[in-house]
Amino acid sequence: MTRRLIAAVLTTGLIGLVLLSLRQQRIALVHDMSMLHVRMSNDETSLWRARAEVAEMIQPASLGVPDDHDLRSALAQPADPPPDAAHD
């Protein structure tokens, strides 16, 4: 009877240690995930700052992008007719 009681107490103690170890691993993983989320948030913030700086520095005129009026006038002009071989 005493041996069974000692075995039961030891088994319960081992199971408790295993459960505490698993709990500690879970807490460590949650902490790591939280730190990764903070890093991702900081990286995203710096990315948006960089995008805003680029948007402030670049103007459409400096890129050589035609405005809508230039595009419409270019599209409205008829294309040159193909050369006619009979007139040569």
N, C-alpha and C. Protein backbone atom coordinates (compact mmCIF):
# COMPACT_ATOMS: atom_id res chain seq x y z
N MET A 1 0.81 -1.18 0.00
CA MET A 1 0.00 0.00 0.00
C MET A 1 0.87 1.26 0.00
N THR A 2 1.94 1.23 0.76
CA THR A 2 2.82 2.38 0.86
C THR A 2 3.53 2.62 -0.47
N ARG A 3 3.92 1.55 -1.10
CA ARG A 3 4.60 1.69 -2.39
C ARG A 3 3.66 2.31 -3.44
N ARG A 4 2.42 1.89 -3.41
CA ARG A 4 1.45 2.46 -4.35
C ARG A 4 1.26 3.95 -4.10
N LEU A 5 1.18 4.33 -2.85
CA LEU A 5 1.00 5.73 -2.50
C LEU A 5 2.22 6.55 -2.93
N ILE A 6 3.41 6.05 -2.71
CA ILE A 6 4.64 6.73 -3.13
C ILE A 6 4.68 6.84 -4.66
N ALA A 7 4.32 5.75 -5.35
CA ALA A 7 4.30 5.78 -6.82
C ALA A 7 3.27 6.78 -7.33
N ALA A 8 2.12 6.85 -6.69
CA ALA A 8 1.08 7.79 -7.11
C ALA A 8 1.55 9.23 -6.88
N VAL A 9 2.19 9.51 -5.76
CA VAL A 9 2.68 10.85 -5.46
C VAL A 9 3.78 11.23 -6.44
N LEU A 10 4.71 10.33 -6.73
CA LEU A 10 5.79 10.60 -7.68
C LEU A 10 5.24 10.83 -9.10
N THR A 11 4.27 10.01 -9.48
CA THR A 11 3.66 10.14 -10.81
C THR A 11 2.93 11.48 -10.91
N THR A 12 2.20 11.84 -9.88
CA THR A 12 1.50 13.12 -9.86
C THR A 12 2.50 14.28 -9.92
N GLY A 13 3.59 14.17 -9.19
CA GLY A 13 4.63 15.19 -9.21
C GLY A 13 5.25 15.34 -10.59
N LEU A 14 5.55 14.21 -11.25
CA LEU A 14 6.12 14.25 -12.60
C LEU A 14 5.15 14.86 -13.60
N ILE A 15 3.90 14.49 -13.51
CA ILE A 15 2.89 15.06 -14.40
C ILE A 15 2.78 16.58 -14.17
N GLY A 16 2.82 16.98 -12.89
CA GLY A 16 2.78 18.40 -12.58
C GLY A 16 3.98 19.15 -13.17
N LEU A 17 5.16 18.56 -13.08
CA LEU A 17 6.36 19.18 -13.66
C LEU A 17 6.27 19.30 -15.17
N VAL A 18 5.74 18.26 -15.79
CA VAL A 18 5.59 18.29 -17.25
C VAL A 18 4.60 19.39 -17.64
N LEU A 19 3.49 19.48 -16.91
CA LEU A 19 2.49 20.51 -17.21
C LEU A 19 3.06 21.92 -16.99
N LEU A 20 3.85 22.11 -15.93
CA LEU A 20 4.48 23.41 -15.70
C LEU A 20 5.46 23.76 -16.81
N SER A 21 6.18 22.74 -17.28
CA SER A 21 7.13 22.96 -18.37
C SER A 21 6.40 23.37 -19.65
N LEU A 22 5.30 22.70 -19.96
CA LEU A 22 4.51 23.04 -21.14
C LEU A 22 3.91 24.44 -21.01
N ARG A 23 3.46 24.79 -19.81
CA ARG A 23 2.91 26.13 -19.60
C ARG A 23 3.99 27.18 -19.81
N GLN A 24 5.19 26.93 -19.31
CA GLN A 24 6.28 27.89 -19.48
C GLN A 24 6.65 28.05 -20.96
N GLN A 25 6.64 26.95 -21.70
CA GLN A 25 6.92 27.02 -23.14
C GLN A 25 5.85 27.85 -23.86
N ARG A 26 4.60 27.65 -23.47
CA ARG A 26 3.52 28.41 -24.08
C ARG A 26 3.66 29.90 -23.79
N ILE A 27 4.01 30.25 -22.55
CA ILE A 27 4.20 31.65 -22.19
C ILE A 27 5.35 32.26 -22.98
N ALA A 28 6.43 31.50 -23.15
CA ALA A 28 7.58 32.00 -23.92
C ALA A 28 7.19 32.21 -25.38
N LEU A 29 6.40 31.31 -25.95
CA LEU A 29 5.97 31.47 -27.35
C LEU A 29 5.05 32.67 -27.51
N VAL A 30 4.16 32.89 -26.56
CA VAL A 30 3.27 34.05 -26.64
C VAL A 30 4.09 35.33 -26.54
N HIS A 31 5.11 35.34 -25.70
CA HIS A 31 5.98 36.50 -25.59
C HIS A 31 6.71 36.75 -26.90
N ASP A 32 7.24 35.70 -27.51
CA ASP A 32 7.94 35.84 -28.80
C ASP A 32 6.99 36.38 -29.88
N MET A 33 5.76 35.86 -29.90
CA MET A 33 4.78 36.34 -30.88
C MET A 33 4.48 37.82 -30.66
N SER A 34 4.36 38.22 -29.40
CA SER A 34 4.09 39.61 -29.09
C SER A 34 5.24 40.50 -29.56
N MET A 35 6.47 40.06 -29.34
CA MET A 35 7.63 40.84 -29.77
C MET A 35 7.69 40.94 -31.29
N LEU A 36 7.32 39.87 -31.99
CA LEU A 36 7.29 39.91 -33.45
C LEU A 36 6.23 40.88 -33.95
N HIS A 37 5.09 40.92 -33.28
CA HIS A 37 4.05 41.87 -33.68
C HIS A 37 4.51 43.31 -33.47
N VAL A 38 5.23 43.56 -32.39
CA VAL A 38 5.75 44.91 -32.15
C VAL A 38 6.75 45.28 -33.25
N ARG A 39 7.64 44.34 -33.59
CA ARG A 39 8.61 44.61 -34.66
C ARG A 39 7.91 44.86 -35.99
N MET A 40 6.88 44.06 -36.29
CA MET A 40 6.15 44.25 -37.54
C MET A 40 5.47 45.62 -37.56
N SER A 41 4.91 46.03 -36.44
CA SER A 41 4.26 47.33 -36.36
C SER A 41 5.28 48.45 -36.57
N ASN A 42 6.45 48.33 -35.96
CA ASN A 42 7.49 49.34 -36.13
C ASN A 42 7.98 49.38 -37.57
N ASP A 43 8.15 48.21 -38.19
CA ASP A 43 8.57 48.17 -39.59
C ASP A 43 7.52 48.79 -40.50
N GLU A 44 6.26 48.52 -40.22
CA GLU A 44 5.18 49.08 -41.03
C GLU A 44 5.14 50.60 -40.89
N THR A 45 5.36 51.09 -39.68
CA THR A 45 5.38 52.53 -39.46
C THR A 45 6.51 53.19 -40.23
N SER A 46 7.70 52.58 -40.17
CA SER A 46 8.83 53.16 -40.91
C SER A 46 8.60 53.07 -42.42
N LEU A 47 7.95 52.02 -42.88
CA LEU A 47 7.65 51.90 -44.31
C LEU A 47 6.70 53.01 -44.75
N TRP A 48 5.67 53.30 -43.97
CA TRP A 48 4.73 54.36 -44.33
C TRP A 48 5.41 55.72 -44.29
N ARG A 49 6.33 55.92 -43.34
CA ARG A 49 7.09 57.18 -43.31
C ARG A 49 7.92 57.33 -44.58
N ALA A 50 8.58 56.24 -44.98
CA ALA A 50 9.39 56.30 -46.20
C ALA A 50 8.52 56.57 -47.42
N ARG A 51 7.36 55.95 -47.48
CA ARG A 51 6.44 56.19 -48.60
C ARG A 51 6.00 57.65 -48.63
N ALA A 52 5.73 58.21 -47.46
CA ALA A 52 5.30 59.61 -47.40
C ALA A 52 6.43 60.54 -47.84
N GLU A 53 7.66 60.23 -47.44
CA GLU A 53 8.79 61.05 -47.86
C GLU A 53 8.98 61.00 -49.37
N VAL A 54 8.87 59.82 -49.94
CA VAL A 54 9.00 59.68 -51.40
C VAL A 54 7.89 60.44 -52.10
N ALA A 55 6.68 60.35 -51.58
CA ALA A 55 5.55 61.06 -52.20
C ALA A 55 5.75 62.57 -52.12
N GLU A 56 6.37 63.06 -51.05
CA GLU A 56 6.62 64.49 -50.95
C GLU A 56 7.71 64.94 -51.91
N MET A 57 8.71 64.10 -52.13
CA MET A 57 9.84 64.49 -52.97
C MET A 57 9.53 64.42 -54.46
N ILE A 58 8.66 63.51 -54.85
CA ILE A 58 8.40 63.29 -56.27
C ILE A 58 7.10 64.00 -56.67
N GLN A 59 7.20 64.79 -57.72
CA GLN A 59 6.03 65.46 -58.29
C GLN A 59 5.79 64.85 -59.67
N PRO A 60 4.55 64.76 -60.11
CA PRO A 60 4.27 64.17 -61.42
C PRO A 60 5.00 64.88 -62.56
N ALA A 61 5.18 66.19 -62.47
CA ALA A 61 5.86 66.93 -63.54
C ALA A 61 7.33 66.50 -63.66
N SER A 62 7.95 66.17 -62.54
CA SER A 62 9.36 65.77 -62.58
C SER A 62 9.54 64.38 -63.17
N LEU A 63 8.47 63.61 -63.21
CA LEU A 63 8.55 62.26 -63.78
C LEU A 63 8.33 62.26 -65.28
N GLY A 64 7.90 63.38 -65.83
CA GLY A 64 7.62 63.44 -67.26
C GLY A 64 6.30 62.81 -67.63
N VAL A 65 5.39 62.73 -66.69
CA VAL A 65 4.08 62.13 -66.95
C VAL A 65 3.20 63.21 -67.56
N PRO A 66 2.64 62.96 -68.76
CA PRO A 66 1.77 63.97 -69.37
C PRO A 66 0.46 64.09 -68.60
N ASP A 67 -0.09 65.28 -68.60
CA ASP A 67 -1.37 65.45 -67.94
C ASP A 67 -2.50 64.98 -68.86
N ASP A 68 -3.73 65.03 -68.37
CA ASP A 68 -4.87 64.52 -69.13
C ASP A 68 -5.08 65.27 -70.44
N HIS A 69 -4.84 66.56 -70.46
CA HIS A 69 -5.05 67.35 -71.67
C HIS A 69 -4.09 66.89 -72.78
N ASP A 70 -2.82 66.66 -72.44
CA ASP A 70 -1.86 66.19 -73.44
C ASP A 70 -2.25 64.81 -73.98
N LEU A 71 -2.73 63.95 -73.11
CA LEU A 71 -3.13 62.61 -73.57
C LEU A 71 -4.34 62.69 -74.50
N ARG A 72 -5.31 63.53 -74.15
CA ARG A 72 -6.51 63.64 -74.99
C ARG A 72 -6.18 64.21 -76.36
N SER A 73 -5.30 65.23 -76.39
CA SER A 73 -4.96 65.83 -77.69
C SER A 73 -4.14 64.85 -78.54
N ALA A 74 -3.31 64.05 -77.92
CA ALA A 74 -2.53 63.07 -78.68
C ALA A 74 -3.43 61.98 -79.25
N LEU A 75 -4.45 61.60 -78.49
CA LEU A 75 -5.36 60.56 -78.96
C LEU A 75 -6.32 61.11 -80.01
N ALA A 76 -6.64 62.39 -79.97
CA ALA A 76 -7.60 62.97 -80.90
C ALA A 76 -7.00 63.16 -82.29
N GLN A 77 -5.69 63.29 -82.39
CA GLN A 77 -5.07 63.51 -83.69
C GLN A 77 -5.08 62.20 -84.48
N PRO A 78 -5.48 62.28 -85.76
CA PRO A 78 -5.49 61.05 -86.56
C PRO A 78 -4.06 60.61 -86.86
N ALA A 79 -3.91 59.34 -87.01
CA ALA A 79 -2.59 58.79 -87.33
C ALA A 79 -2.26 59.11 -88.79
N ASP A 80 -1.00 59.19 -89.08
CA ASP A 80 -0.56 59.43 -90.48
C ASP A 80 -1.02 58.27 -91.34
N PRO A 81 -1.55 58.55 -92.53
CA PRO A 81 -1.98 57.45 -93.40
C PRO A 81 -0.76 56.68 -93.89
N PRO A 82 -0.91 55.42 -94.16
CA PRO A 82 0.21 54.64 -94.63
C PRO A 82 0.64 55.12 -96.03
N PRO A 83 1.90 55.06 -96.33
CA PRO A 83 2.33 55.51 -97.66
C PRO A 83 1.71 54.63 -98.75
N ASP A 84 1.31 55.29 -99.82
CA ASP A 84 0.66 54.59 -100.92
C ASP A 84 1.73 54.27 -101.96
N ALA A 85 1.84 53.06 -102.35
CA ALA A 85 2.86 52.64 -103.32
C ALA A 85 2.57 53.17 -104.73
N ALA A 86 1.30 53.49 -105.04
CA ALA A 86 0.93 53.95 -106.38
C ALA A 86 1.44 55.37 -106.65
N HIS A 87 1.61 56.19 -105.59
CA HIS A 87 2.05 57.56 -105.77
C HIS A 87 3.56 57.67 -105.94
N ASP A 88 4.30 56.66 -105.69
CA ASP A 88 5.76 56.73 -105.81
C ASP A 88 6.24 56.56 -107.17
